[in-house]
Protein backbone atom coordinates (compact mmCIF):
# COMPACT_ATOMS: atom_id res chain seq x y z
CA MET A 1 0.00 0.00 0.00
CA GLU A 2 2.89 2.33 0.82
CA ALA A 3 4.42 1.71 -2.60
CA SER A 4 1.13 2.61 -4.29
CA GLN A 5 0.84 5.82 -2.29
CA SER A 6 4.41 6.63 -3.26
CA ASP A 7 3.57 6.02 -6.93
CA ASN A 8 0.56 8.31 -6.61
CA ARG A 9 2.68 11.06 -5.12
CA HIS A 10 4.88 10.89 -8.21
CA LEU A 11 2.07 11.20 -10.73
CA PRO A 12 2.81 14.03 -13.19
CA SER A 13 0.97 17.32 -12.73
CA VAL A 14 -2.04 18.25 -14.84
CA ASP A 15 -0.14 21.20 -16.35
CA TYR A 16 2.75 18.95 -17.36
CA LEU A 17 0.38 16.47 -19.04
CA LEU A 18 -1.46 19.28 -20.80
CA ASN A 19 1.81 20.42 -22.37
CA GLN A 20 2.74 16.86 -23.33
CA THR A 21 -0.58 16.26 -25.13
CA GLN A 22 -1.23 19.59 -26.84
CA HIS A 23 -0.36 18.08 -30.25
CA LEU A 24 -3.53 15.92 -30.19
CA GLY A 25 -5.84 18.72 -31.33
CA ILE A 26 -8.30 18.40 -28.43
CA PRO A 27 -9.33 21.82 -27.05
CA ARG A 28 -7.48 22.53 -23.79
CA PRO A 29 -10.54 22.74 -21.46
CA LEU A 30 -11.81 19.36 -22.65
CA ARG A 31 -8.32 17.83 -22.54
CA LYS A 32 -7.86 19.09 -18.98
CA ARG A 33 -11.07 17.42 -17.83
CA LEU A 34 -10.06 14.12 -19.46
CA ILE A 35 -6.59 14.23 -17.89
CA GLN A 36 -8.04 14.96 -14.44
CA GLU A 37 -10.46 12.04 -14.76
CA SER A 38 -7.67 9.65 -15.80
CA LEU A 39 -5.43 10.74 -12.92
CA GLN A 40 -8.31 10.26 -10.49
CA VAL A 41 -8.87 6.70 -11.74
CA TRP A 42 -5.17 5.87 -11.37
CA ARG A 43 -5.10 7.34 -7.85
CA GLN A 44 -8.18 5.35 -6.82
CA LYS A 45 -6.65 2.14 -8.17
CA GLY A 46 -3.38 2.93 -6.41
CA ASP A 47 -1.53 1.93 -9.54
CA GLN A 48 -0.11 3.44 -12.71
CA PRO A 49 -0.56 2.11 -16.25
CA ARG A 50 1.51 -0.99 -17.02
CA GLY A 51 3.73 -1.54 -20.03
CA GLY A 52 4.96 2.00 -20.62
CA ARG A 53 5.09 5.55 -19.38
CA LEU A 54 1.99 7.18 -17.98
CA GLU A 55 2.31 9.93 -20.62
CA ASP A 56 2.15 7.34 -23.39
CA ALA A 57 -0.90 5.64 -21.87
CA LEU A 58 -2.66 8.98 -21.49
CA THR A 59 -1.84 9.95 -25.08
CA ARG A 60 -3.41 6.70 -26.30
CA GLN A 61 -6.54 7.34 -24.22
CA LEU A 62 -6.92 10.87 -25.53
CA HIS A 63 -6.30 9.71 -29.11
CA ASP A 64 -9.01 7.05 -28.75
CA PHE A 65 -11.39 9.63 -27.26
CA ASN A 66 -10.79 12.06 -30.12
CA ARG A 67 -11.80 9.38 -32.62
CA LYS A 68 -15.30 9.52 -31.13
CA ARG A 69 -15.96 12.84 -32.88
CA LEU A 70 -18.37 12.61 -35.80
CA ARG A 71 -16.32 11.67 -38.87
CA PRO A 72 -16.87 10.04 -42.27
CA VAL A 73 -16.44 6.28 -42.61
CA ILE A 74 -16.57 3.92 -45.58
CA ASN A 75 -19.49 1.53 -45.27
CA ALA A 76 -18.32 -1.88 -46.50
CA THR A 77 -20.93 -3.87 -44.58
CA GLY A 78 -23.48 -4.26 -47.39
CA VAL A 79 -26.20 -2.74 -45.18
CA VAL A 80 -27.48 0.32 -47.06
CA LEU A 81 -29.40 2.07 -44.25
CA HIS A 82 -26.98 1.19 -41.45
CA THR A 83 -28.26 2.74 -38.21
CA ASN A 84 -24.80 2.74 -36.58
CA LEU A 85 -23.34 4.51 -39.62
CA GLY A 86 -25.94 7.30 -39.90
CA ARG A 87 -28.58 5.51 -42.03
CA ALA A 88 -29.21 7.21 -45.39
CA PRO A 89 -26.11 8.93 -46.82
CA LEU A 90 -26.99 12.38 -48.13
CA PRO A 91 -26.25 13.68 -51.64
CA THR A 92 -23.14 15.84 -51.95
CA ASP A 93 -24.98 18.57 -53.84
CA LEU A 94 -26.76 19.88 -50.73
CA GLN A 95 -24.25 22.72 -50.29
CA SER A 96 -26.70 25.41 -51.43
CA SER A 97 -29.46 24.07 -49.16
CA LEU A 98 -27.20 23.75 -46.13
CA GLN A 99 -25.47 27.06 -46.84
CA ALA A 100 -28.80 28.80 -46.33
CA ALA A 101 -29.01 27.31 -42.84
CA LEU A 102 -25.50 28.25 -41.71
CA GLY A 103 -26.02 31.99 -41.26
CA TYR A 104 -29.06 34.13 -40.62
CA ASN A 105 -32.03 32.98 -42.68
CA ASN A 106 -35.78 33.27 -43.01
CA LEU A 107 -36.46 30.21 -40.83
CA GLU A 108 -39.47 31.84 -39.15
CA LEU A 109 -39.71 35.12 -41.03
CA ASN A 110 -42.29 35.98 -43.68
CA LEU A 111 -40.23 38.02 -46.15
CA GLU A 112 -43.36 39.49 -47.74
CA THR A 113 -44.87 40.92 -44.55
CA GLY A 114 -41.72 41.24 -42.44
CA LYS A 115 -43.52 39.48 -39.62
CA ARG A 116 -43.02 36.12 -37.94
CA GLY A 117 -43.82 33.15 -40.14
CA ARG A 118 -44.01 29.37 -39.77
CA ARG A 119 -40.93 27.28 -40.40
CA GLY A 120 -40.87 24.64 -43.13
CA ILE A 121 -43.74 25.94 -45.28
CA TRP A 122 -41.94 25.19 -48.59
CA LEU A 123 -41.01 21.67 -47.45
CA GLU A 124 -44.49 20.96 -46.11
CA LYS A 125 -46.05 21.87 -49.46
CA ALA A 126 -43.47 19.87 -51.41
CA LEU A 127 -44.06 16.79 -49.22
CA SER A 128 -47.82 17.18 -49.54
CA VAL A 129 -47.33 16.90 -53.33
CA MET A 130 -45.22 13.74 -52.90
CA CYS A 131 -47.75 12.20 -50.49
CA GLN A 132 -50.85 13.56 -52.26
CA CYS A 133 -52.29 14.76 -48.97
CA GLU A 134 -53.82 17.97 -47.62
CA ASP A 135 -51.16 18.95 -45.10
CA ILE A 136 -47.82 17.99 -43.48
CA ALA A 137 -46.21 18.51 -40.07
CA LEU A 138 -42.48 17.97 -39.48
CA VAL A 139 -40.76 16.80 -36.29
CA ASN A 140 -37.35 15.36 -35.41
CA ASN A 141 -37.99 11.62 -35.95
CA CYS A 142 -40.76 9.09 -36.53
CA ALA A 143 -41.02 8.05 -32.87
CA ALA A 144 -41.60 11.72 -32.00
CA ALA A 145 -44.21 11.90 -34.76
CA LEU A 146 -46.17 8.99 -33.29
CA ILE A 147 -45.96 10.38 -29.74
CA LEU A 148 -47.14 13.79 -30.92
CA ILE A 149 -50.10 12.28 -32.80
CA LEU A 150 -51.12 10.30 -29.72
CA MET A 151 -50.83 13.33 -27.44
CA ALA A 152 -52.68 15.63 -29.82
CA LEU A 153 -55.62 13.26 -30.33
CA ARG A 154 -55.85 12.28 -26.66
CA LYS A 155 -58.92 13.72 -24.90
CA ASP A 156 -58.47 12.64 -21.28
CA ALA A 157 -56.91 9.97 -19.06
CA ASN A 158 -59.44 7.40 -20.28
CA SER A 159 -58.63 7.85 -24.00
CA GLU A 160 -58.14 4.52 -25.76
CA VAL A 161 -56.23 3.62 -28.90
CA VAL A 162 -57.21 0.40 -30.65
CA ILE A 163 -54.32 -1.63 -32.08
CA SER A 164 -53.76 -5.24 -33.15
CA ARG A 165 -51.60 -7.42 -30.88
CA GLY A 166 -49.63 -8.40 -33.97
CA GLU A 167 -48.47 -4.80 -34.34
CA LEU A 168 -47.11 -4.14 -30.84
CA VAL A 169 -43.62 -4.08 -32.26
CA GLN A 170 -40.26 -3.09 -30.82
CA ILE A 171 -38.21 -0.63 -32.87
CA GLY A 172 -34.47 0.09 -32.65
CA GLY A 173 -32.84 0.97 -29.35
CA GLY A 174 -35.34 -1.05 -27.31
CA PHE A 175 -38.29 1.31 -27.88
CA ARG A 176 -41.60 -0.51 -27.90
CA ILE A 177 -44.90 0.67 -29.34
CA PRO A 178 -46.83 -0.07 -26.10
CA GLU A 179 -44.34 2.02 -24.09
CA ILE A 180 -44.52 4.89 -26.58
CA MET A 181 -48.31 4.84 -26.35
CA THR A 182 -48.50 4.77 -22.57
CA SER A 183 -45.88 7.54 -22.31
CA ALA A 184 -48.24 9.69 -24.42
CA GLY A 185 -50.98 9.20 -21.81
CA VAL A 186 -53.33 6.94 -23.78
CA ARG A 187 -54.61 3.47 -22.98
CA LEU A 188 -53.97 0.53 -25.25
CA ARG A 189 -56.95 -1.48 -26.40
CA GLU A 190 -55.35 -4.60 -27.88
CA VAL A 191 -57.40 -6.65 -30.32
CA GLY A 192 -56.96 -9.96 -32.08
CA THR A 193 -54.00 -12.26 -31.59
CA THR A 194 -50.34 -12.09 -32.55
CA ASN A 195 -50.94 -13.72 -35.92
CA HIS A 196 -54.65 -13.23 -36.63
CA THR A 197 -56.77 -10.10 -36.32
CA THR A 198 -60.11 -9.45 -38.01
CA ILE A 199 -62.09 -6.31 -38.79
CA GLN A 200 -64.69 -7.57 -36.31
CA ASP A 201 -62.05 -7.47 -33.57
CA TYR A 202 -61.58 -3.76 -34.22
CA GLU A 203 -65.30 -3.06 -34.45
CA GLN A 204 -66.06 -4.78 -31.13
CA ALA A 205 -63.30 -2.80 -29.38
CA LEU A 206 -64.53 0.65 -30.46
CA SER A 207 -66.26 2.67 -27.73
CA PRO A 208 -66.89 6.29 -26.72
CA LYS A 209 -63.39 6.20 -25.16
CA THR A 210 -61.75 5.44 -28.52
CA VAL A 211 -59.77 8.40 -29.88
CA MET A 212 -58.11 6.60 -32.79
CA MET A 213 -57.37 3.31 -34.51
CA LEU A 214 -53.65 2.71 -35.00
CA LYS A 215 -52.05 0.45 -37.57
CA VAL A 216 -48.28 -0.12 -37.32
CA HIS A 217 -46.30 -1.39 -40.29
CA GLN A 218 -44.39 -4.55 -39.40
CA SER A 219 -41.28 -3.22 -41.12
CA ASN A 220 -38.53 -4.89 -39.09
CA PHE A 221 -39.79 -8.48 -38.90
CA VAL A 222 -41.72 -11.04 -40.95
CA MET A 223 -44.59 -13.34 -39.95
CA SER A 224 -45.59 -16.26 -42.16
CA GLY A 225 -48.01 -19.16 -42.05
CA PHE A 226 -51.50 -18.66 -40.62
CA VAL A 227 -51.34 -14.85 -40.60
CA SER A 228 -54.14 -12.43 -41.34
CA ALA A 229 -54.96 -8.76 -40.69
CA PRO A 230 -57.44 -6.25 -42.13
CA SER A 231 -56.23 -4.03 -44.97
CA VAL A 232 -55.90 -0.27 -44.67
CA GLN A 233 -59.01 0.09 -46.83
CA GLU A 234 -61.08 -2.13 -44.52
CA LEU A 235 -59.91 -0.24 -41.45
CA ALA A 236 -60.52 3.12 -43.15
CA SER A 237 -64.08 2.13 -44.02
CA LEU A 238 -64.77 1.16 -40.39
CA ALA A 239 -63.06 4.30 -39.08
CA GLN A 240 -65.13 6.54 -41.35
CA HIS A 241 -68.34 4.76 -40.35
CA LYS A 242 -67.57 5.14 -36.64
CA GLN A 243 -66.08 8.64 -37.07
CA VAL A 244 -62.77 7.64 -35.50
CA PRO A 245 -59.42 8.71 -37.03
CA LEU A 246 -57.30 5.97 -38.62
CA VAL A 247 -53.56 6.52 -38.15
CA MET A 248 -50.77 4.44 -39.68
CA ASP A 249 -47.18 4.37 -38.48
CA LEU A 250 -45.46 3.47 -41.74
CA GLY A 251 -41.90 3.68 -40.43
CA SER A 252 -39.52 3.63 -43.38
CA GLY A 253 -41.49 5.94 -45.68
CA ALA A 254 -40.59 5.00 -49.25
CA LEU A 255 -41.74 7.68 -51.70
CA ILE A 256 -40.99 5.54 -54.78
CA ASP A 257 -41.88 2.07 -56.02
CA THR A 258 -39.09 -0.04 -54.50
CA GLU A 259 -39.97 -3.14 -56.49
CA ALA A 260 -39.95 -1.37 -59.86
CA HIS A 261 -36.70 0.49 -59.21
CA PHE A 262 -34.65 -2.02 -57.19
CA ASP A 263 -36.33 -5.40 -57.80
CA ILE A 264 -36.90 -5.89 -54.08
CA GLN A 265 -40.00 -6.19 -51.91
CA ARG A 266 -42.57 -3.49 -52.65
CA GLU A 267 -42.91 -1.11 -49.72
CA MET A 268 -46.20 0.72 -49.23
CA THR A 269 -45.85 4.47 -49.79
CA PRO A 270 -47.51 7.27 -47.76
CA GLU A 271 -49.47 8.24 -50.89
CA GLN A 272 -50.94 4.72 -51.12
CA VAL A 273 -51.87 4.70 -47.42
CA ILE A 274 -53.65 8.05 -47.71
CA ARG A 275 -55.36 7.06 -50.96
CA GLN A 276 -56.70 3.95 -49.20
CA GLY A 277 -58.36 6.11 -46.57
CA ALA A 278 -55.99 6.69 -43.64
CA ASP A 279 -56.47 10.06 -41.94
CA LEU A 280 -52.84 10.35 -40.85
CA VAL A 281 -49.61 8.54 -41.67
CA CYS A 282 -46.19 9.08 -40.09
CA PHE A 283 -42.81 7.97 -41.44
CA SER A 284 -39.06 8.61 -41.27
CA GLY A 285 -36.98 10.96 -43.37
CA ASP A 286 -33.67 9.09 -43.02
CA LYS A 287 -34.67 5.65 -44.24
CA LEU A 288 -36.15 4.86 -47.66
CA LEU A 289 -36.90 8.51 -48.30
CA GLY A 290 -33.10 9.00 -48.42
CA GLY A 291 -32.83 12.19 -46.37
CA PRO A 292 -31.71 13.43 -42.94
CA GLN A 293 -33.35 12.37 -39.68
CA ALA A 294 -36.90 13.66 -39.50
CA GLY A 295 -40.41 12.55 -38.66
CA ILE A 296 -43.11 13.36 -41.20
CA ILE A 297 -46.83 13.47 -40.41
CA ALA A 298 -49.07 13.54 -43.48
CA GLY A 299 -52.85 13.67 -43.63
CA THR A 300 -55.97 15.78 -43.40
CA GLU A 301 -55.68 19.51 -42.90
CA ALA A 302 -57.87 19.49 -39.76
CA LEU A 303 -55.88 16.79 -37.94
CA VAL A 304 -52.47 18.15 -38.95
CA ARG A 305 -53.53 21.62 -37.77
CA GLU A 306 -54.57 20.10 -34.43
CA ILE A 307 -51.17 18.39 -34.14
CA ARG A 308 -49.28 21.56 -35.05
CA GLN A 309 -51.16 23.52 -32.36
CA HIS A 310 -50.26 21.04 -29.59
CA PRO A 311 -47.72 22.46 -27.07
CA MET A 312 -45.34 19.50 -27.61
CA TYR A 313 -45.01 20.33 -31.31
CA ARG A 314 -42.57 23.12 -30.45
CA ALA A 315 -40.42 20.71 -28.42
CA LEU A 316 -40.33 18.08 -31.16
CA ARG A 317 -40.23 20.20 -34.33
CA ILE A 318 -37.51 19.75 -36.95
CA ASP A 319 -34.17 21.57 -36.66
CA LYS A 320 -33.11 24.12 -39.31
CA LEU A 321 -30.16 22.00 -40.56
CA ALA A 322 -32.35 18.92 -41.01
CA LEU A 323 -34.98 21.16 -42.61
CA ALA A 324 -32.45 22.50 -45.12
CA GLY A 325 -31.12 19.03 -45.92
CA MET A 326 -34.63 17.67 -46.37
CA GLU A 327 -35.49 20.51 -48.78
CA GLY A 328 -32.57 19.47 -50.99
CA VAL A 329 -33.49 15.77 -50.88
CA ILE A 330 -37.17 16.39 -51.64
CA SER A 331 -36.10 18.56 -54.59
CA HIS A 332 -34.45 15.42 -56.02
CA HIS A 333 -37.72 13.50 -55.58
CA LEU A 334 -39.74 16.23 -57.28
CA GLU A 335 -37.31 16.46 -60.20
CA ALA A 336 -37.69 12.70 -60.74
CA LEU A 337 -41.46 13.22 -61.11
CA GLU A 338 -41.11 15.81 -63.88
CA ASN A 339 -40.69 13.32 -66.72
CA LEU A 340 -43.99 11.45 -66.62
CA ASP A 341 -43.17 9.23 -69.60
CA THR A 342 -40.30 7.35 -67.97
CA ILE A 343 -39.57 5.63 -64.69
CA SER A 344 -37.12 8.07 -63.17
CA ILE A 345 -35.31 7.68 -59.87
CA PRO A 346 -34.12 10.45 -57.54
CA GLN A 347 -30.35 10.87 -57.61
CA LEU A 348 -29.70 9.90 -53.99
CA PRO A 349 -26.73 7.87 -52.63
CA SER A 350 -28.88 5.28 -50.87
CA TYR A 351 -30.74 4.62 -54.15
CA LEU A 352 -27.40 4.22 -55.92
CA HIS A 353 -26.45 1.52 -53.42
CA LEU A 354 -29.84 -0.20 -53.62
CA GLY A 355 -29.81 -0.23 -57.41
CA VAL A 356 -26.17 -1.06 -58.26
CA SER A 357 -25.92 -4.11 -60.57
CA MET A 358 -23.81 -7.24 -60.10
CA THR A 359 -22.09 -6.47 -63.41
CA THR A 360 -20.99 -3.07 -62.15
CA MET A 361 -19.79 -4.48 -58.85
CA ARG A 362 -17.84 -7.26 -60.58
CA SER A 363 -16.08 -4.75 -62.83
CA ARG A 364 -15.18 -2.57 -59.87
CA ALA A 365 -13.96 -5.52 -57.78
CA THR A 366 -11.69 -6.72 -60.60
CA HIS A 367 -10.31 -3.22 -61.08
CA ILE A 368 -9.64 -2.83 -57.35
CA LEU A 369 -7.64 -6.06 -57.11
CA ARG A 370 -5.62 -5.21 -60.20
CA LYS A 371 -4.75 -1.84 -58.71
CA VAL A 372 -3.78 -3.47 -55.40
CA TRP A 373 -1.02 -5.49 -57.07
CA ASP A 374 0.05 -2.62 -59.34
CA GLY A 375 3.51 -1.83 -57.97
CA THR A 376 3.01 -4.06 -54.92
CA PRO A 377 5.13 -7.25 -54.63
CA MET A 378 2.99 -10.30 -55.32
CA PRO A 379 2.79 -12.93 -52.55
CA ALA A 380 5.18 -15.85 -52.87
CA THR A 381 2.49 -18.11 -54.35
CA SER A 382 1.69 -15.51 -57.07
CA ASN A 383 -1.91 -16.58 -56.64
CA LEU A 384 -4.45 -14.15 -55.21
CA ALA A 385 -6.71 -16.95 -54.00
CA ASP A 386 -3.83 -18.59 -52.14
CA HIS A 387 -3.10 -15.26 -50.51
CA ARG A 388 -6.71 -15.26 -49.29
CA MET A 389 -7.71 -12.08 -51.12
CA LYS A 390 -10.45 -12.78 -53.60
CA VAL A 391 -13.82 -11.67 -54.94
CA VAL A 392 -16.73 -13.65 -53.53
CA GLU A 393 -20.50 -13.56 -53.80
CA ASP A 394 -22.05 -11.88 -50.80
CA SER A 395 -25.41 -10.46 -49.78
CA GLY A 396 -26.51 -7.07 -48.56
CA ARG A 397 -29.57 -5.76 -46.75
CA VAL A 398 -31.69 -2.64 -46.88
CA GLY A 399 -31.23 -2.07 -43.14
CA GLY A 400 -32.74 0.56 -40.85
CA GLY A 401 -35.43 -1.87 -39.69
CA THR A 402 -36.72 -2.10 -43.25
CA MET A 403 -37.56 -5.10 -45.45
CA PRO A 404 -35.96 -7.82 -43.30
CA ALA A 405 -36.87 -10.51 -45.83
CA SER A 406 -35.15 -8.77 -48.75
CA GLU A 407 -31.58 -9.87 -49.43
CA LEU A 408 -29.59 -7.85 -51.93
CA PRO A 409 -27.21 -9.91 -54.09
CA SER A 410 -23.74 -8.47 -53.84
CA LEU A 411 -20.01 -9.01 -54.29
CA ALA A 412 -17.28 -8.54 -51.73
CA ILE A 413 -13.51 -8.61 -51.50
CA GLU A 414 -12.74 -11.29 -48.96
CA LEU A 415 -9.63 -11.42 -46.80
CA GLN A 416 -8.88 -14.57 -44.88
CA VAL A 417 -6.20 -14.59 -42.21
CA ASP A 418 -4.62 -17.79 -40.95
CA LYS A 419 -2.23 -16.31 -38.39
CA GLY A 420 -2.53 -13.92 -35.49
CA ASP A 421 -5.61 -12.34 -33.97
CA PRO A 422 -8.56 -12.38 -36.44
CA GLU A 423 -9.88 -9.17 -34.92
CA ALA A 424 -6.63 -7.43 -35.91
CA ILE A 425 -7.77 -7.17 -39.53
CA SER A 426 -11.01 -5.34 -38.76
CA THR A 427 -9.11 -3.12 -36.31
CA PHE A 428 -6.58 -2.33 -39.05
CA PHE A 429 -9.28 -1.11 -41.43
CA ARG A 430 -11.27 0.60 -38.69
CA GLU A 431 -8.29 2.66 -37.45
CA ARG A 432 -7.46 4.29 -40.78
CA SER A 433 -7.77 8.07 -41.16
CA GLU A 434 -11.10 7.38 -42.91
CA PRO A 435 -12.28 4.18 -41.18
CA ILE A 436 -13.45 1.29 -43.33
CA ILE A 437 -16.17 -0.80 -41.69
CA GLY A 438 -16.44 -4.33 -43.09
CA HIS A 439 -18.11 -7.49 -41.83
CA TRP A 440 -17.23 -11.10 -40.97
CA VAL A 441 -18.61 -14.20 -42.69
CA HIS A 442 -17.44 -17.69 -41.68
CA GLY A 443 -14.13 -16.48 -40.28
CA ALA A 444 -13.31 -14.26 -43.27
CA PHE A 445 -13.32 -10.46 -43.35
CA ARG A 446 -15.29 -8.93 -46.23
CA LEU A 447 -15.53 -5.52 -47.87
CA ASN A 448 -18.97 -5.50 -49.50
CA LEU A 449 -19.02 -3.50 -52.75
CA ARG A 450 -22.75 -2.70 -52.61
CA THR A 451 -22.37 0.03 -50.01
CA ILE A 452 -18.94 1.33 -51.06
CA HIS A 453 -19.39 4.41 -53.22
CA PRO A 454 -17.39 4.28 -56.49
CA ASP A 455 -15.58 7.46 -55.41
CA GLU A 456 -14.19 5.45 -52.46
CA ASP A 457 -12.67 2.65 -54.55
CA GLN A 458 -9.19 4.23 -54.54
CA GLN A 459 -9.25 4.37 -50.74
CA ILE A 460 -10.12 0.67 -50.70
CA VAL A 461 -7.18 0.01 -53.06
CA GLN A 462 -4.76 1.87 -50.79
CA ALA A 463 -6.08 0.15 -47.67
CA LEU A 464 -5.66 -3.29 -49.26
CA LYS A 465 -2.15 -2.38 -50.41
CA ASP A 466 -1.27 -1.33 -46.88
CA TRP A 467 -2.75 -4.55 -45.52
CA VAL A 468 -0.72 -6.70 -47.93
CA THR A 469 2.47 -4.82 -46.99
CA GLN A 470 1.78 -5.33 -43.29
CA ASP A 471 0.75 -8.94 -43.73
CA GLN A 472 3.99 -9.77 -45.56
CA ALA A 473 6.17 -8.01 -42.98
C-alpha cells in the first residue's frame, strides 16, 4: 500500500500532461477534464498504467477519445441504411441548401410581410405533393411523430387507442410501441392475436373512449403461415363509419416504387396509405426517403392543424439544418417526377447503393484487385486466391429496420487470415484516417461493394495495399 501511495505522489501534474498532449488537437478545457479524470482513476486504483510511461498511456486514451468525434467512414458492410453509420447517406450537392441554414435565414420570417412566419412551409407543401395529402407537419424523428399524434388526439386519461396485438412491435434501441403509447398518456386497447386479427375485432373494441385506430407497419420483422390482418381500406371504411381517425405508423417511408426500381420487396408508400383512406400517416426521413433524420406526419388539414397547435409540437419540431437538408433531398424527388413518360429515380446515394448491378460491382472488384497489385510485390504463391484475397458472392440488406426478408445480391472482396488475432484485420481497417467498416462471414473479413461508393474505390485500393504490406512483414 505504501508503494502505491508513493507512486501516486509521483504522478505528473495536470499542467505537465497538458503540455505533453497539446499536439492531439483536443481543445485545452476538454483535454484538462479528461486528464483529471484519468489521474483520479489511477489514484483510486493505487496503480499506474503498465507496459509503458503514464504519458504514453494517457496519449493513447486521448487519441481514442478524439476518434469519437463525428467523422466520415466507408461503409463496406453491405447494409445500405446502417443505423450505426448514420442511415441514409446524403447527396453531396446539398451545399446550397445547407449554406442557407448556416447563417441568418428566413427560418421563421415571412419576407413578404416582415412578420413572424411558420418554419418549413416550402417543405411541407413539397411533401404534400409527394404524399398527395392535404397537409404535413415535421418533427425530429418518426417516434416523436407517433408520440405527438397520440398526445394531440388524446382527450383525457381514459382515452383509448385500438391496435392489433400483432403490431405491438419493438423498434431500434429497445423502444416498444406499447411504451410509446402509454408515455403519451393513452390506454392501449389490444385486439386480435399475434398472428390473426379481423375487422370484427376492431369493431367490437370501439367505444366512446376510442380516440383513434392505430395500424403499425411490421417493417422490421416477418410473420408467415397462418397470418391475417385487415387491410388499410377495410380499417378506413370502419373508421369513417364510426367517425374515428385511422392513423398508420409506416416507419420507413418510401416515396418511390421499391420493387420497380430495385427489384426488391414493394414497400407501401404514404401516398398509397392516404389514398386507401388513412387520416394520418407518419414515417421517417432518413430511411427509404433517403434524407436526414426527421419525422413526417401527413394527412388531413384538420388533424395536422390540431397536431401543429399542440404544445409538444414546439419541443419536437424539426431543426433548421435537417430542414435545409430535407429541402434538398425532396427537390431530387420532385425532379424525378417531372418526366412522366419514364420511370425516373431520384439521384440519392442510398438509391445508388440499392440499385447497383452485379455487373458493375464485378467490374469494380476486378479493377480494385488489379490496382492493389500494381507496384506491390505479389505474394510468394503468385496466386491471389492462395493469398486469401479474392472476390466472392455476398449479400446485402436494406437495413434501418426495413424489409428484413429482402436480401440484396452483392459481391465482396474477402480477406482470410490464418495467423494472429482475427480481430486485428477489422481493427486495421477501422483505425485508418477514414475508417473502413467491413463485416465477418465464416471467419473471413469482407468488404462489400454494394455500399462502397465508387468514389471510395481508390481508398479501398490503398487500404488493401497497406494490408498486404503489413501482412507480408
